[in-house]
PDB file of N, CA and C in Angstrom:
ATOM      1  N   MET A   1      92.003 102.161  59.273  1.00  0.00           N
ATOM      2  CA  MET A   1      93.126 102.664  60.087  1.00  0.00           C
ATOM      3  C   MET A   1      94.508 101.966  59.216  1.00  0.00           C
ATOM      4  N   SER A   2      95.647 102.652  59.564  1.00  0.00           N
ATOM      5  CA  SER A   2      96.491 102.739  58.646  1.00  0.00           C
ATOM      6  C   SER A   2      97.498 102.774  59.857  1.00  0.00           C
ATOM      7  N   TRP A   3      98.326 101.750  59.617  1.00  0.00           N
ATOM      8  CA  TRP A   3      99.704 101.430  60.634  1.00  0.00           C
ATOM      9  C   TRP A   3     100.775 102.153  59.967  1.00  0.00           C
ATOM     10  N   ARG A   4     100.790 102.196  58.622  1.00  0.00           N
ATOM     11  CA  ARG A   4     101.920 102.989  58.127  1.00  0.00           C
ATOM     12  C   ARG A   4     102.303 104.623  58.265  1.00  0.00           C
ATOM     13  N   LEU A   5     101.283 105.345  59.120  1.00  0.00           N
ATOM     14  CA  LEU A   5     101.819 106.392  59.692  1.00  0.00           C
ATOM     15  C   LEU A   5     102.907 106.299  60.909  1.00  0.00           C
ATOM     16  N   PHE A   6     102.153 105.054  61.571  1.00  0.00           N
ATOM     17  CA  PHE A   6     103.158 104.393  62.828  1.00  0.00           C
ATOM     18  C   PHE A   6     104.639 104.491  62.692  1.00  0.00           C
ATOM     19  N   THR A   7     104.926 103.950  61.295  1.00  0.00           N
ATOM     20  CA  THR A   7     106.245 103.423  61.082  1.00  0.00           C
ATOM     21  C   THR A   7     106.706 104.489  60.847  1.00  0.00           C
ATOM     22  N   THR A   8     106.079 105.376  59.750  1.00  0.00           N
ATOM     23  CA  THR A   8     106.704 106.674  59.056  1.00  0.00           C
ATOM     24  C   THR A   8     107.174 107.270  60.525  1.00  0.00           C
ATOM     25  N   SER A   9     106.751 107.784  61.940  1.00  0.00           N
ATOM     26  CA  SER A   9     106.836 108.591  62.856  1.00  0.00           C
ATOM     27  C   SER A   9     107.981 107.918  63.538  1.00  0.00           C
ATOM     28  N   ALA A  10     108.263 106.347  63.621  1.00  0.00           N
ATOM     29  CA  ALA A  10     109.828 106.012  63.935  1.00  0.00           C
ATOM     30  C   ALA A  10     110.560 106.191  63.348  1.00  0.00           C
ATOM     31  N   LEU A  11     110.472 106.150  61.997  1.00  0.00           N
ATOM     32  CA  LEU A  11     111.685 106.882  61.342  1.00  0.00           C
ATOM     33  C   LEU A  11     112.058 108.475  61.721  1.00  0.00           C
ATOM     34  N   LEU A  12     110.806 109.428  61.581  1.00  0.00           N
ATOM     35  CA  LEU A  12     111.144 110.718  62.074  1.00  0.00           C
ATOM     36  C   LEU A  12     111.612 110.576  63.214  1.00  0.00           C
ATOM     37  N   LEU A  13     111.253 109.914  64.381  1.00  0.00           N
ATOM     38  CA  LEU A  13     112.212 109.963  65.965  1.00  0.00           C
ATOM     39  C   LEU A  13     113.350 109.518  65.784  1.00  0.00           C
ATOM     40  N   TRP A  14     114.024 108.463  65.033  1.00  0.00           N
ATOM     41  CA  TRP A  14     115.079 108.141  64.705  1.00  0.00           C
ATOM     42  C   TRP A  14     116.221 109.109  64.028  1.00  0.00           C
ATOM     43  N   ALA A  15     115.389 110.012  63.369  1.00  0.00           N
ATOM     44  CA  ALA A  15     116.326 111.221  62.616  1.00  0.00           C
ATOM     45  C   ALA A  15     116.599 112.398  63.727  1.00  0.00           C
ATOM     46  N   ALA A  16     115.579 112.384  64.758  1.00  0.00           N
ATOM     47  CA  ALA A  16     115.541 113.905  65.579  1.00  0.00           C
ATOM     48  C   ALA A  16     116.171 113.310  66.662  1.00  0.00           C
ATOM     49  N   VAL A  17     116.546 112.326  67.066  1.00  0.00           N
ATOM     50  CA  VAL A  17     117.149 112.209  68.462  1.00  0.00           C
ATOM     51  C   VAL A  17     118.486 110.880  68.029  1.00  0.00           C
ATOM     52  N   ALA A  18     119.627 111.067  68.951  1.00  0.00           N
ATOM     53  CA  ALA A  18     120.596 110.289  68.741  1.00  0.00           C
ATOM     54  C   ALA A  18     121.135 110.025  70.004  1.00  0.00           C
ATOM     55  N   THR A  19     121.242 109.113  70.419  1.00  0.00           N
ATOM     56  CA  THR A  19     121.664 108.271  71.292  1.00  0.00           C
ATOM     57  C   THR A  19     122.755 106.882  71.255  1.00  0.00           C
ATOM     58  N   SER A  20     123.401 106.854  71.941  1.00  0.00           N
ATOM     59  CA  SER A  20     124.304 105.744  72.395  1.00  0.00           C
ATOM     60  C   SER A  20     123.654 104.343  73.048  1.00  0.00           C
ATOM     61  N   GLU A  21     122.893 104.388  73.728  1.00  0.00           N
ATOM     62  CA  GLU A  21     121.987 103.778  74.413  1.00  0.00           C
ATOM     63  C   GLU A  21     120.641 103.264  73.953  1.00  0.00           C
ATOM     64  N   PRO A  22     120.505 102.143  73.657  1.00  0.00           N
ATOM     65  CA  PRO A  22     119.392 101.810  72.698  1.00  0.00           C
ATOM     66  C   PRO A  22     117.993 102.222  73.846  1.00  0.00           C
ATOM     67  N   VAL A  23     116.860 102.836  73.177  1.00  0.00           N
ATOM     68  CA  VAL A  23     115.657 103.037  73.583  1.00  0.00           C
ATOM     69  C   VAL A  23     114.522 101.759  73.451  1.00  0.00           C
ATOM     70  N   ALA A  24     113.708 101.567  74.173  1.00  0.00           N
ATOM     71  CA  ALA A  24     112.833 100.471  73.803  1.00  0.00           C
ATOM     72  C   ALA A  24     111.110 101.473  74.228  1.00  0.00           C
ATOM     73  N   ALA A  25     110.300 101.389  73.727  1.00  0.00           N
ATOM     74  CA  ALA A  25     108.974 101.612  73.831  1.00  0.00           C
ATOM     75  C   ALA A  25     107.702 100.506  73.646  1.00  0.00           C
ATOM     76  N   THR A  26     106.929 100.433  74.235  1.00  0.00           N
ATOM     77  CA  THR A  26     105.464  99.404  73.799  1.00  0.00           C
ATOM     78  C   THR A  26     104.343 100.781  73.749  1.00  0.00           C
ATOM     79  N   TYR A  27     103.732 100.523  72.454  1.00  0.00           N
ATOM     80  CA  TYR A  27     102.638 101.318  72.211  1.00  0.00           C
ATOM     81  C   TYR A  27     101.563 100.371  72.102  1.00  0.00           C
ATOM     82  N   LEU A  28     100.145 100.885  72.630  1.00  0.00           N
ATOM     83  CA  LEU A  28      99.115 100.353  72.515  1.00  0.00           C
ATOM     84  C   LEU A  28      98.461 101.486  71.698  1.00  0.00           C
ATOM     85  N   LEU A  29      97.849 100.869  70.434  1.00  0.00           N
ATOM     86  CA  LEU A  29      96.766 101.892  69.608  1.00  0.00           C
ATOM     87  C   LEU A  29      95.538 101.549  69.773  1.00  0.00           C
ATOM     88  N   ARG A  30      94.776 102.506  70.120  1.00  0.00           N
ATOM     89  CA  ARG A  30      92.990 101.989  69.708  1.00  0.00           C
ATOM     90  C   ARG A  30      92.382 103.043  68.985  1.00  0.00           C
ATOM     91  N   ALA A  31      91.404 102.454  68.204  1.00  0.00           N
ATOM     92  CA  ALA A  31      90.620 103.227  67.234  1.00  0.00           C
ATOM     93  C   ALA A  31      89.405 102.733  67.436  1.00  0.00           C
ATOM     94  N   SER A  32      88.525 103.314  67.307  1.00  0.00           N
ATOM     95  CA  SER A  32      86.873 103.067  67.088  1.00  0.00           C
ATOM     96  C   SER A  32      86.218 103.540  65.994  1.00  0.00           C
ATOM     97  N   SER A  33      85.551 102.822  64.994  1.00  0.00           N
ATOM     98  CA  SER A  33      84.783 103.495  64.416  1.00  0.00           C
ATOM     99  C   SER A  33      83.300 102.465  64.209  1.00  0.00           C
ATOM    100  N   GLY A  34      82.063 103.439  63.839  1.00  0.00           N
ATOM    101  CA  GLY A  34      81.131 102.932  63.870  1.00  0.00           C
ATOM    102  C   GLY A  34      80.875 101.652  64.852  1.00  0.00           C
ATOM    103  N   GLY A  35      80.786 102.213  65.983  1.00  0.00           N
ATOM    104  CA  GLY A  35      80.756 101.212  67.140  1.00  0.00           C
ATOM    105  C   GLY A  35      82.202  99.580  67.467  1.00  0.00           C
ATOM    106  N   GLU A  36      82.851  99.688  65.952  1.00  0.00           N
ATOM    107  CA  GLU A  36      83.812  98.803  66.305  1.00  0.00           C
ATOM    108  C   GLU A  36      84.958  99.091  67.079  1.00  0.00           C
ATOM    109  N   GLU A  37      85.571  98.754  68.087  1.00  0.00           N
ATOM    110  CA  GLU A  37      86.734  98.992  68.467  1.00  0.00           C
ATOM    111  C   GLU A  37      87.797  97.706  67.782  1.00  0.00           C
ATOM    112  N   ARG A  38      89.033  98.782  67.426  1.00  0.00           N
ATOM    113  CA  ARG A  38      90.161  98.144  67.278  1.00  0.00           C
ATOM    114  C   ARG A  38      91.429  98.314  68.146  1.00  0.00           C
ATOM    115  N   SER A  39      92.357  97.339  68.056  1.00  0.00           N
ATOM    116  CA  SER A  39      93.476  97.910  68.908  1.00  0.00           C
ATOM    117  C   SER A  39      94.640  97.069  68.323  1.00  0.00           C
ATOM    118  N   ALA A  40      95.875  97.543  68.789  1.00  0.00           N
ATOM    119  CA  ALA A  40      97.019  96.953  68.286  1.00  0.00           C
ATOM    120  C   ALA A  40      98.266  97.646  69.044  1.00  0.00           C
ATOM    121  N   GLU A  41      98.943  96.376  69.349  1.00  0.00           N
ATOM    122  CA  GLU A  41     100.215  96.772  70.234  1.00  0.00           C
ATOM    123  C   GLU A  41     101.489  96.631  69.366  1.00  0.00           C
ATOM    124  N   PHE A  42     102.451  97.546  69.683  1.00  0.00           N
ATOM    125  CA  PHE A  42     103.660  97.694  69.037  1.00  0.00           C
ATOM    126  C   PHE A  42     104.837  97.918  69.760  1.00  0.00           C
ATOM    127  N   VAL A  43     105.835  97.352  69.640  1.00  0.00           N
ATOM    128  CA  VAL A  43     107.231  97.399  70.264  1.00  0.00           C
ATOM    129  C   VAL A  43     108.056  98.348  69.586  1.00  0.00           C
ATOM    130  N   LEU A  44     108.800  99.701  69.554  1.00  0.00           N
ATOM    131  CA  LEU A  44     109.688 100.372  68.932  1.00  0.00           C
ATOM    132  C   LEU A  44     110.739 100.276  69.779  1.00  0.00           C
ATOM    133  N   VAL A  45     111.861  99.998  68.981  1.00  0.00           N
ATOM    134  CA  VAL A  45     113.481  99.904  69.689  1.00  0.00           C
ATOM    135  C   VAL A  45     114.077 100.847  68.717  1.00  0.00           C
ATOM    136  N   ARG A  46     114.799 101.474  69.607  1.00  0.00           N
ATOM    137  CA  ARG A  46     115.596 102.464  68.487  1.00  0.00           C
ATOM    138  C   ARG A  46     117.379 102.762  69.191  1.00  0.00           C
ATOM    139  N   SER A  47     118.341 102.527  68.211  1.00  0.00           N
ATOM    140  CA  SER A  47     119.945 103.314  68.852  1.00  0.00           C
ATOM    141  C   SER A  47     120.267 103.974  67.486  1.00  0.00           C
ATOM    142  N   ASP A  48     121.390 104.251  67.469  1.00  0.00           N
ATOM    143  CA  ASP A  48     121.731 104.938  66.572  1.00  0.00           C
ATOM    144  C   ASP A  48     121.679 104.635  65.466  1.00  0.00           C
ATOM    145  N   GLN A  49     121.893 103.579  64.896  1.00  0.00           N
ATOM    146  CA  GLN A  49     121.979 103.025  63.781  1.00  0.00           C
ATOM    147  C   GLN A  49     120.424 102.133  63.411  1.00  0.00           C
ATOM    148  N   VAL A  50     119.776 101.723  64.262  1.00  0.00           N
ATOM    149  CA  VAL A  50     118.788 100.984  64.003  1.00  0.00           C
ATOM    150  C   VAL A  50     117.491 101.129  64.713  1.00  0.00           C
ATOM    151  N   VAL A  51     116.271 101.130  63.830  1.00  0.00           N
ATOM    152  CA  VAL A  51     115.120 101.229  64.074  1.00  0.00           C
ATOM    153  C   VAL A  51     114.177 100.270  63.868  1.00  0.00           C
ATOM    154  N   GLU A  52     113.730  99.570  64.577  1.00  0.00           N
ATOM    155  CA  GLU A  52     112.623  98.485  64.653  1.00  0.00           C
ATOM    156  C   GLU A  52     111.134  98.642  64.839  1.00  0.00           C
ATOM    157  N   VAL A  53     110.335  98.281  64.689  1.00  0.00           N
ATOM    158  CA  VAL A  53     108.963  98.006  64.971  1.00  0.00           C
ATOM    159  C   VAL A  53     108.514  96.965  64.670  1.00  0.00           C
ATOM    160  N   GLN A  54     107.666  96.170  65.903  1.00  0.00           N
ATOM    161  CA  GLN A  54     107.241  94.922  66.258  1.00  0.00           C
ATOM    162  C   GLN A  54     105.681  95.363  66.471  1.00  0.00           C
ATOM    163  N   ASP A  55     104.710  94.482  65.280  1.00  0.00           N
ATOM    164  CA  ASP A  55     103.702  94.529  65.663  1.00  0.00           C
ATOM    165  C   ASP A  55     103.328  93.065  66.243  1.00  0.00           C
ATOM    166  N   LYS A  56     103.083  92.946  67.588  1.00  0.00           N
ATOM    167  CA  LYS A  56     102.958  91.917  68.334  1.00  0.00           C
ATOM    168  C   LYS A  56     101.527  91.040  68.008  1.00  0.00           C
ATOM    169  N   ALA A  57     100.930  91.401  67.088  1.00  0.00           N
ATOM    170  CA  ALA A  57      99.944  90.508  66.919  1.00  0.00           C
ATOM    171  C   ALA A  57     100.156  90.021  65.802  1.00  0.00           C
ATOM    172  N   SER A  58     100.843  90.399  64.495  1.00  0.00           N
ATOM    173  CA  SER A  58     101.426  89.676  63.238  1.00  0.00           C
ATOM    174  C   SER A  58     102.465  89.180  63.502  1.00  0.00           C
ATOM    175  N   GLY A  59     103.395  89.547  64.610  1.00  0.00           N
ATOM    176  CA  GLY A  59     104.859  88.689  64.873  1.00  0.00           C
ATOM    177  C   GLY A  59     105.793  89.394  63.430  1.00  0.00           C
ATOM    178  N   VAL A  60     105.400  90.540  62.809  1.00  0.00           N
ATOM    179  CA  VAL A  60     106.018  91.382  61.806  1.00  0.00           C
ATOM    180  C   VAL A  60     106.951  92.353  62.591  1.00  0.00           C
ATOM    181  N   VAL A  61     108.127  92.525  62.029  1.00  0.00           N
ATOM    182  CA  VAL A  61     109.203  93.462  62.275  1.00  0.00           C
ATOM    183  C   VAL A  61     109.323  94.132  61.260  1.00  0.00           C
ATOM    184  N   GLU A  62     109.685  95.635  61.381  1.00  0.00           N
ATOM    185  CA  GLU A  62     110.022  96.382  60.154  1.00  0.00           C
ATOM    186  C   GLU A  62     111.081  96.956  60.787  1.00  0.00           C
ATOM    187  N   ARG A  63     112.002  96.600  59.989  1.00  0.00           N
ATOM    188  CA  ARG A  63     113.643  96.890  60.891  1.00  0.00           C
ATOM    189  C   ARG A  63     114.176  97.945  59.878  1.00  0.00           C
ATOM    190  N   TRP A  64     114.775  98.946  60.076  1.00  0.00           N
ATOM    191  CA  TRP A  64     115.804 100.105  59.230  1.00  0.00           C
ATOM    192  C   TRP A  64     117.195 100.084  60.111  1.00  0.00           C
ATOM    193  N   GLU A  65     117.945 100.055  59.103  1.00  0.00           N
ATOM    194  CA  GLU A  65     119.616  99.917  59.599  1.00  0.00           C
ATOM    195  C   GLU A  65     120.065 101.177  58.569  1.00  0.00           C
ATOM    196  N   ARG A  66     121.216 101.925  59.413  1.00  0.00           N
ATOM    197  CA  ARG A  66     122.073 102.827  58.697  1.00  0.00           C
ATOM    198  C   ARG A  66     123.064 102.439  58.819  1.00  0.00           C
ATOM    199  N   ASP A  67     123.779 102.281  57.808  1.00  0.00           N
ATOM    200  CA  ASP A  67     125.063 101.827  57.697  1.00  0.00           C
ATOM    201  C   ASP A  67     126.249 103.290  58.061  1.00  0.00           C
ATOM    202  N   PRO A  68     127.141 102.770  58.307  1.00  0.00           N
ATOM    203  CA  PRO A  68     128.686 104.060  58.558  1.00  0.00           C
ATOM    204  C   PRO A  68     128.644 105.476  57.335  1.00  0.00           C
ATOM    205  N   SER A  69     128.355 104.847  56.195  1.00  0.00           N
ATOM    206  CA  SER A  69     128.264 105.850  55.090  1.00  0.00           C
ATOM    207  C   SER A  69     126.706 106.300  55.096  1.00  0.00           C
ATOM    208  N   GLY A  70     125.867 106.198  55.595  1.00  0.00           N
ATOM    209  CA  GLY A  70     124.949 106.932  55.581  1.00  0.00           C
ATOM    210  C   GLY A  70     123.468 106.143  54.735  1.00  0.00           C
ATOM    211  N   LYS A  71     123.971 104.856  54.244  1.00  0.00           N
ATOM    212  CA  LYS A  71     122.886 104.225  53.502  1.00  0.00           C
ATOM    213  C   LYS A  71     121.846 103.565  54.304  1.00  0.00           C
ATOM    214  N   ILE A  72     120.531 103.467  54.019  1.00  0.00           N
ATOM    215  CA  ILE A  72     119.740 102.855  54.862  1.00  0.00           C
ATOM    216  C   ILE A  72     118.991 101.638  53.934  1.00  0.00           C
ATOM    217  N   PHE A  73     118.862 100.700  55.113  1.00  0.00           N
ATOM    218  CA  PHE A  73     118.542  99.212  54.303  1.00  0.00           C
ATOM    219  C   PHE A  73     117.469  99.099  55.334  1.00  0.00           C
ATOM    220  N   TYR A  74     116.716  98.333  54.844  1.00  0.00           N
ATOM    221  CA  TYR A  74     114.913  97.871  55.443  1.00  0.00           C
ATOM    222  C   TYR A  74     114.790  96.470  55.137  1.00  0.00           C
ATOM    223  N   SER A  75     114.538  96.022  56.478  1.00  0.00           N
ATOM    224  CA  SER A  75     114.077  94.550  56.359  1.00  0.00           C
ATOM    225  C   SER A  75     112.733  94.537  57.185  1.00  0.00           C
ATOM    226  N   ARG A  76     112.079  93.606  56.140  1.00  0.00           N
ATOM    227  CA  ARG A  76     110.468  93.360  56.855  1.00  0.00           C
ATOM    228  C   ARG A  76     110.728  91.790  57.495  1.00  0.00           C
ATOM    229  N   ILE A  77     110.108  91.661  58.701  1.00  0.00           N
ATOM    230  CA  ILE A  77     110.704  90.107  59.364  1.00  0.00           C
ATOM    231  C   ILE A  77     109.421  89.489  59.437  1.00  0.00           C
ATOM    232  N   PHE A  78     109.216  88.209  59.074  1.00  0.00           N
ATOM    233  CA  PHE A  78     108.076  87.237  59.458  1.00  0.00           C
ATOM    234  C   PHE A  78     108.544  86.819  60.669  1.00  0.00           C
ATOM    235  N   LEU A  79     108.305  86.346  61.791  1.00  0.00           N
ATOM    236  CA  LEU A  79     109.069  85.858  63.126  1.00  0.00           C
ATOM    237  C   LEU A  79     108.436  84.431  63.139  1.00  0.00           C
ATOM    238  N   ASP A  80     106.921  84.430  62.628  1.00  0.00           N
ATOM    239  CA  ASP A  80     106.474  82.842  62.662  1.00  0.00           C
ATOM    240  C   ASP A  80     106.476  81.774  61.693  1.00  0.00           C
ATOM    241  N   ALA A  81     107.138  82.782  60.143  1.00  0.00           N
ATOM    242  CA  ALA A  81     107.397  81.896  59.274  1.00  0.00           C
ATOM    243  C   ALA A  81     108.771  82.026  58.983  1.00  0.00           C
ATOM    244  N   GLY A  82     109.857  82.566  59.793  1.00  0.00           N
ATOM    245  CA  GLY A  82     111.054  82.298  59.895  1.00  0.00           C
ATOM    246  C   GLY A  82     111.282  83.126  58.204  1.00  0.00           C
ATOM    247  N   LYS A  83     111.126  83.933  57.674  1.00  0.00           N
ATOM    248  CA  LYS A  83     111.457  84.443  56.690  1.00  0.00           C
ATOM    249  C   LYS A  83     111.864  86.219  56.720  1.00  0.00           C
ATOM    250  N   ILE A  84     112.920  86.625  55.641  1.00  0.00           N
ATOM    251  CA  ILE A  84     112.905  88.202  55.963  1.00  0.00           C
ATOM    252  C   ILE A  84     112.679  88.496  54.351  1.00  0.00           C
ATOM    253  N   ILE A  85     112.707  89.421  54.299  1.00  0.00           N
ATOM    254  CA  ILE A  85     112.429  90.280  53.108  1.00  0.00           C
ATOM    255  C   ILE A  85     113.688  91.319  53.330  1.00  0.00           C
ATOM    256  N   GLU A  86     114.605  91.569  52.229  1.00  0.00           N
ATOM    257  CA  GLU A  86     115.660  92.662  52.869  1.00  0.00           C
ATOM    258  C   GLU A  86     115.310  93.652  51.565  1.00  0.00           C
ATOM    259  N   PHE A  87     115.595  94.742  51.827  1.00  0.00           N
ATOM    260  CA  PHE A  87     115.626  95.658  51.084  1.00  0.00           C
ATOM    261  C   PHE A  87     116.890  96.620  50.797  1.00  0.00           C
ATOM    262  N   GLN A  88     117.854  96.725  49.712  1.00  0.00           N
ATOM    263  CA  GLN A  88     118.835  97.813  49.774  1.00  0.00           C
ATOM    264  C   GLN A  88     118.287  98.943  49.316  1.00  0.00           C
ATOM    265  N   PRO A  89     119.367  99.742  49.395  1.00  0.00           N
ATOM    266  CA  PRO A  89     119.332 101.117  49.150  1.00  0.00           C
ATOM    267  C   PRO A  89     119.040 101.610  47.555  1.00  0.00           C
ATOM    268  N   ALA A  90     118.940 100.785  46.762  1.00  0.00           N
ATOM    269  CA  ALA A  90     118.771 100.864  45.284  1.00  0.00           C
ATOM    270  C   ALA A  90     117.274 100.959  45.113  1.00  0.00           C
ATOM    271  N   ASP A  91     116.656 100.085  46.044  1.00  0.00           N
ATOM    272  CA  ASP A  91     115.386  99.759  45.838  1.00  0.00           C
ATOM    273  C   ASP A  91     114.442 101.045  46.575  1.00  0.00           C
ATOM    274  N   PHE A  92     115.087 101.829  47.348  1.00  0.00           N
ATOM    275  CA  PHE A  92     114.666 103.433  47.674  1.00  0.00           C
ATOM    276  C   PHE A  92     114.286 104.445  46.623  1.00  0.00           C
ATOM    277  N   ALA A  93     115.327 103.972  45.612  1.00  0.00           N
ATOM    278  CA  ALA A  93     115.434 105.435  44.761  1.00  0.00           C
ATOM    279  C   ALA A  93     114.415 105.254  43.622  1.00  0.00           C
TER     280      ALA A  93
END
């Protein structure tokens, strides 16, 4: 099971809908395979310039931010460790 599809969907949601008010939603994903069931809870927060997806189990937040010129900045925030990895627009080229 891959959560990458979920984060890609968050970016598509950001591109498709524009609003000046932040929007938040909680998602509970469940999957079963071979009799084993797994679940994960995510919180999605989105505004005009920012999309954040937090994996509740791991405490990891993926944050995309668009500056006024349209450049995209990405941060991976590790809440439990108190660390952030920041990516610049050139990292996506």
